[in-house]
Amino acid sequence: MKRIRRYLSDRPTRKKRIRPPVTPEEPADWQPEDFKNFVEHPRFGRDPIRTGLNPVTDFISGIFLHWHADASCRIPFTAVKAETKKQNQPTVAVTHYYDVKRHCRECKRPFIFFAQEQRYWYETLQFPLEADCVRCVKCREKDRILSEKRANYERLIHHAKLDAEQTLELVDIALELIENEIFSIRVLERVTAKLNGLPESLPDHHRSLSKQLRLKIKQLRDSNEAM
């Protein structure tokens, strides 16, 4: 027995294996189905982009969140770090961007102003940090197209003399801008005069387009009178 006890006492003691601490999983603050009715972004999609970062403003640690990313609209665990030196002369630099929820001013649908999109706005395009996104990407694209059409209208209307194709293009653009409330209904008088000034002998495709435009003019007038 003594030999056995001596043998056991001489054996090296096995060290207790220390397991690394278990990191708790991120809380399920949101699920993709929460965003099924949001406007889809052509690049970033419809769902938030989870990064695992979830900082809060901490002046001691030097963490400053954007004023438009308050707790009521920011989406947890979607933050990305900012490159503050690239921001456009901010009074207080923003250190992190979050995916944030927005409602479009035009179509009233919800959409996400993505953290990566914000980084592009404020660091690449050099928009001031005061700028906020108030329209969804689809409405912004529509606004861009309408702006281009208005520029084309201004270019055509100042031509000294338009041929038949240019005249029809001018009228078509003007009617679309009226429909989208960029131009007032009074512009109809100008474009009707342009159509009336076309020669009687027109190619068939021009004559067909002219007929369609006159019908649209009538519909716009009738709609305006019914209001």
Protein backbone atom coordinates (compact mmCIF):
# COMPACT_ATOMS: atom_id res chain seq x y z
CA MET A 1 0.00 0.00 0.00
CA LYS A 2 2.82 2.35 0.86
CA ARG A 3 4.38 1.74 -2.55
CA ILE A 4 1.08 2.45 -4.27
CA ARG A 5 0.55 5.71 -2.36
CA ARG A 6 4.14 6.76 -3.12
CA TYR A 7 3.60 6.00 -6.83
CA LEU A 8 0.44 8.05 -6.98
CA SER A 9 2.02 10.95 -5.13
CA ASP A 10 4.99 10.97 -7.51
CA ARG A 11 2.80 11.15 -10.66
CA PRO A 12 2.61 14.61 -12.29
CA THR A 13 -0.63 16.34 -11.52
CA ARG A 14 -2.79 16.82 -14.63
CA LYS A 15 -3.65 20.45 -15.07
CA LYS A 16 -7.29 21.23 -15.40
CA ARG A 17 -8.10 22.12 -18.96
CA ILE A 18 -9.28 25.68 -19.21
CA ARG A 19 -11.89 26.22 -21.89
CA PRO A 20 -12.03 29.54 -23.66
CA PRO A 21 -14.98 31.69 -22.70
CA VAL A 22 -18.03 31.16 -24.85
CA THR A 23 -18.97 34.27 -26.80
CA PRO A 24 -22.73 34.74 -26.66
CA GLU A 25 -24.45 34.84 -30.01
CA GLU A 26 -25.68 38.17 -31.28
CA PRO A 27 -29.23 38.78 -30.15
CA ALA A 28 -31.93 38.35 -32.77
CA ASP A 29 -32.80 42.04 -32.91
CA TRP A 30 -34.17 41.66 -36.41
CA GLN A 31 -34.89 39.02 -38.99
CA PRO A 32 -34.82 39.33 -42.80
CA GLU A 33 -38.61 38.93 -42.94
CA ASP A 34 -38.90 42.21 -41.02
CA PHE A 35 -37.79 43.96 -44.19
CA LYS A 36 -39.84 42.12 -46.82
CA ASN A 37 -41.83 45.27 -47.66
CA PHE A 38 -38.77 47.53 -47.93
CA VAL A 39 -37.67 48.92 -51.30
CA GLU A 40 -34.92 46.77 -52.75
CA HIS A 41 -31.59 48.45 -53.50
CA PRO A 42 -30.04 47.26 -56.79
CA ARG A 43 -26.62 46.85 -55.18
CA PHE A 44 -27.21 46.16 -51.49
CA GLY A 45 -30.53 44.34 -51.66
CA ARG A 46 -33.48 44.64 -49.28
CA ASP A 47 -32.15 43.20 -46.00
CA PRO A 48 -29.72 44.86 -43.58
CA ILE A 49 -26.06 43.87 -43.88
CA ARG A 50 -24.99 42.32 -40.58
CA THR A 51 -21.40 43.19 -39.64
CA GLY A 52 -21.44 42.32 -35.93
CA LEU A 53 -20.45 45.88 -34.94
CA ASN A 54 -22.88 47.60 -32.59
CA PRO A 55 -21.19 50.65 -31.01
CA VAL A 56 -22.94 53.47 -29.19
CA THR A 57 -21.83 57.06 -28.88
CA ASP A 58 -19.10 57.25 -26.25
CA PHE A 59 -17.26 60.56 -26.02
CA ILE A 60 -14.58 59.12 -23.75
CA SER A 61 -13.77 56.33 -26.23
CA GLY A 62 -14.06 58.71 -29.18
CA ILE A 63 -17.09 57.02 -30.77
CA PHE A 64 -19.44 59.41 -32.52
CA LEU A 65 -22.47 58.19 -34.44
CA HIS A 66 -24.25 60.18 -37.10
CA TRP A 67 -27.13 62.32 -35.85
CA HIS A 68 -29.51 60.51 -38.22
CA ALA A 69 -28.63 57.08 -36.76
CA ASP A 70 -30.45 57.41 -33.45
CA ALA A 71 -31.76 54.35 -31.64
CA SER A 72 -35.23 54.68 -33.17
CA CYS A 73 -34.04 54.01 -36.72
CA ARG A 74 -30.62 52.36 -36.64
CA ILE A 75 -30.46 48.62 -37.21
CA PRO A 76 -28.30 46.82 -34.61
CA PHE A 77 -25.10 44.99 -35.57
CA THR A 78 -24.83 46.65 -39.00
CA ALA A 79 -22.20 49.32 -38.24
CA VAL A 80 -19.12 49.89 -40.39
CA LYS A 81 -16.11 51.98 -39.44
CA ALA A 82 -15.66 55.34 -41.11
CA GLU A 83 -12.48 56.88 -42.46
CA THR A 84 -12.90 60.22 -40.77
CA LYS A 85 -10.08 61.89 -42.69
CA LYS A 86 -12.07 61.47 -45.92
CA GLN A 87 -15.14 63.27 -44.59
CA ASN A 88 -15.87 66.77 -45.87
CA GLN A 89 -14.60 69.08 -43.10
CA PRO A 90 -17.01 67.87 -40.41
CA THR A 91 -17.56 69.83 -37.21
CA VAL A 92 -17.55 66.46 -35.43
CA ALA A 93 -16.37 63.47 -37.45
CA VAL A 94 -18.57 60.38 -37.55
CA THR A 95 -16.64 57.25 -36.60
CA HIS A 96 -19.25 54.63 -37.58
CA TYR A 97 -22.13 54.37 -40.02
CA TYR A 98 -25.18 52.18 -39.41
CA ASP A 99 -27.82 50.78 -41.71
CA VAL A 100 -30.80 53.01 -40.89
CA LYS A 101 -34.52 52.77 -41.65
CA ARG A 102 -36.13 55.50 -43.71
CA HIS A 103 -39.50 56.28 -45.33
CA CYS A 104 -39.37 57.67 -48.84
CA ARG A 105 -40.64 61.22 -49.18
CA GLU A 106 -42.05 60.44 -52.63
CA CYS A 107 -43.55 56.93 -52.61
CA LYS A 108 -43.88 56.66 -48.79
CA ARG A 109 -42.41 53.14 -48.79
CA PRO A 110 -39.79 52.09 -46.20
CA PHE A 111 -36.20 51.60 -47.32
CA ILE A 112 -32.73 51.20 -45.83
CA PHE A 113 -30.05 53.86 -46.10
CA PHE A 114 -27.16 51.41 -45.97
CA ALA A 115 -23.99 52.06 -43.97
CA GLN A 116 -21.86 51.27 -47.03
CA GLU A 117 -23.93 53.70 -49.08
CA GLN A 118 -23.36 56.38 -46.45
CA ARG A 119 -19.61 55.77 -46.59
CA TYR A 120 -19.76 56.33 -50.36
CA TRP A 121 -21.80 59.51 -49.93
CA TYR A 122 -19.68 61.11 -47.23
CA GLU A 123 -16.19 59.88 -48.12
CA THR A 124 -16.12 59.37 -51.90
CA LEU A 125 -18.71 61.87 -53.13
CA GLN A 126 -17.75 64.23 -50.30
CA PHE A 127 -21.33 65.10 -49.38
CA PRO A 128 -21.48 67.05 -46.11
CA LEU A 129 -22.53 65.03 -43.08
CA GLU A 130 -25.64 67.23 -42.84
CA ALA A 131 -26.98 65.55 -45.99
CA ASP A 132 -29.53 62.82 -45.38
CA CYS A 133 -31.24 60.35 -47.71
CA VAL A 134 -34.97 61.11 -47.95
CA ARG A 135 -35.88 59.18 -51.11
CA CYS A 136 -35.57 55.49 -51.88
CA VAL A 137 -33.21 54.42 -54.64
CA LYS A 138 -36.06 53.90 -57.13
CA CYS A 139 -37.43 57.40 -56.61
CA ARG A 140 -33.92 58.84 -56.79
CA GLU A 141 -33.43 57.07 -60.12
CA LYS A 142 -36.76 58.42 -61.33
CA ASP A 143 -35.75 61.95 -60.28
CA ARG A 144 -32.47 61.56 -62.16
CA ILE A 145 -34.27 60.48 -65.34
CA LEU A 146 -36.75 63.36 -65.08
CA SER A 147 -33.89 65.82 -64.55
CA GLU A 148 -32.25 64.53 -67.73
CA LYS A 149 -35.53 64.87 -69.61
CA ARG A 150 -35.96 68.44 -68.40
CA ALA A 151 -32.43 69.24 -69.60
CA ASN A 152 -33.30 67.75 -73.01
CA TYR A 153 -36.49 69.80 -73.11
CA GLU A 154 -34.56 73.01 -72.39
CA ARG A 155 -32.06 72.09 -75.09
CA LEU A 156 -34.76 71.47 -77.69
CA ILE A 157 -36.99 74.42 -76.84
CA HIS A 158 -34.13 76.83 -77.50
CA HIS A 159 -33.44 75.48 -80.99
CA ALA A 160 -34.11 78.05 -83.65
CA LYS A 161 -35.80 75.49 -85.87
CA LEU A 162 -36.79 71.93 -85.07
CA ASP A 163 -37.44 69.18 -87.58
CA ALA A 164 -40.47 66.90 -87.21
CA GLU A 165 -38.65 64.26 -85.17
CA GLN A 166 -37.22 66.83 -82.74
CA THR A 167 -40.64 68.48 -82.37
CA LEU A 168 -42.30 65.18 -81.52
CA GLU A 169 -39.54 64.41 -79.03
CA LEU A 170 -40.01 67.83 -77.41
CA VAL A 171 -43.77 67.32 -77.05
CA ASP A 172 -43.35 63.78 -75.70
CA ILE A 173 -40.87 64.97 -73.05
CA ALA A 174 -43.07 67.90 -72.06
CA LEU A 175 -46.13 65.66 -71.56
CA GLU A 176 -44.16 63.28 -69.36
CA LEU A 177 -42.92 66.20 -67.25
CA ILE A 178 -46.51 67.47 -66.91
CA GLU A 179 -47.67 64.00 -65.82
CA ASN A 180 -44.97 63.97 -63.14
CA GLU A 181 -45.89 67.52 -62.03
CA ILE A 182 -42.53 68.97 -63.05
CA PHE A 183 -44.30 71.29 -65.50
CA SER A 184 -47.68 72.95 -65.04
CA ILE A 185 -50.67 72.20 -67.26
CA ARG A 186 -50.13 75.56 -68.99
CA VAL A 187 -47.26 74.07 -70.99
CA LEU A 188 -49.91 72.18 -73.00
CA GLU A 189 -50.64 75.33 -75.01
CA ARG A 190 -47.01 75.60 -76.10
CA VAL A 191 -46.64 71.96 -77.11
CA THR A 192 -50.01 71.97 -78.92
CA ALA A 193 -48.79 74.91 -80.96
CA LYS A 194 -45.63 72.93 -81.79
CA LEU A 195 -47.73 70.01 -83.04
CA ASN A 196 -49.96 72.29 -85.08
CA GLY A 197 -46.88 73.71 -86.75
CA LEU A 198 -45.84 70.36 -88.22
CA PRO A 199 -46.25 69.93 -91.99
CA GLU A 200 -49.24 67.91 -93.17
CA SER A 201 -47.10 65.48 -95.13
CA LEU A 202 -45.39 63.39 -92.50
CA PRO A 203 -44.02 59.85 -92.65
CA ASP A 204 -46.45 57.26 -91.28
CA HIS A 205 -44.52 56.65 -88.05
CA HIS A 206 -44.38 60.40 -87.34
CA ARG A 207 -48.10 60.77 -88.10
CA SER A 208 -48.89 57.88 -85.74
CA LEU A 209 -46.81 59.38 -82.92
CA SER A 210 -48.41 62.79 -83.46
CA LYS A 211 -51.86 61.21 -83.11
CA GLN A 212 -50.83 59.50 -79.85
CA LEU A 213 -49.46 62.76 -78.45
CA ARG A 214 -52.65 64.66 -79.32
CA LEU A 215 -54.70 62.01 -77.54
CA LYS A 216 -52.50 62.31 -74.45
CA ILE A 217 -52.89 66.11 -74.54
CA LYS A 218 -56.68 65.70 -74.57
CA GLN A 219 -56.54 63.26 -71.65
CA LEU A 220 -54.41 65.66 -69.61
CA ARG A 221 -56.80 68.54 -70.32
CA ASP A 222 -59.85 66.47 -69.41
CA SER A 223 -58.19 65.28 -66.21
CA ASN A 224 -57.27 68.85 -65.26
CA GLU A 225 -60.81 70.12 -65.89
CA ALA A 226 -62.28 67.31 -63.80
CA MET A 227 -60.24 68.32 -60.76
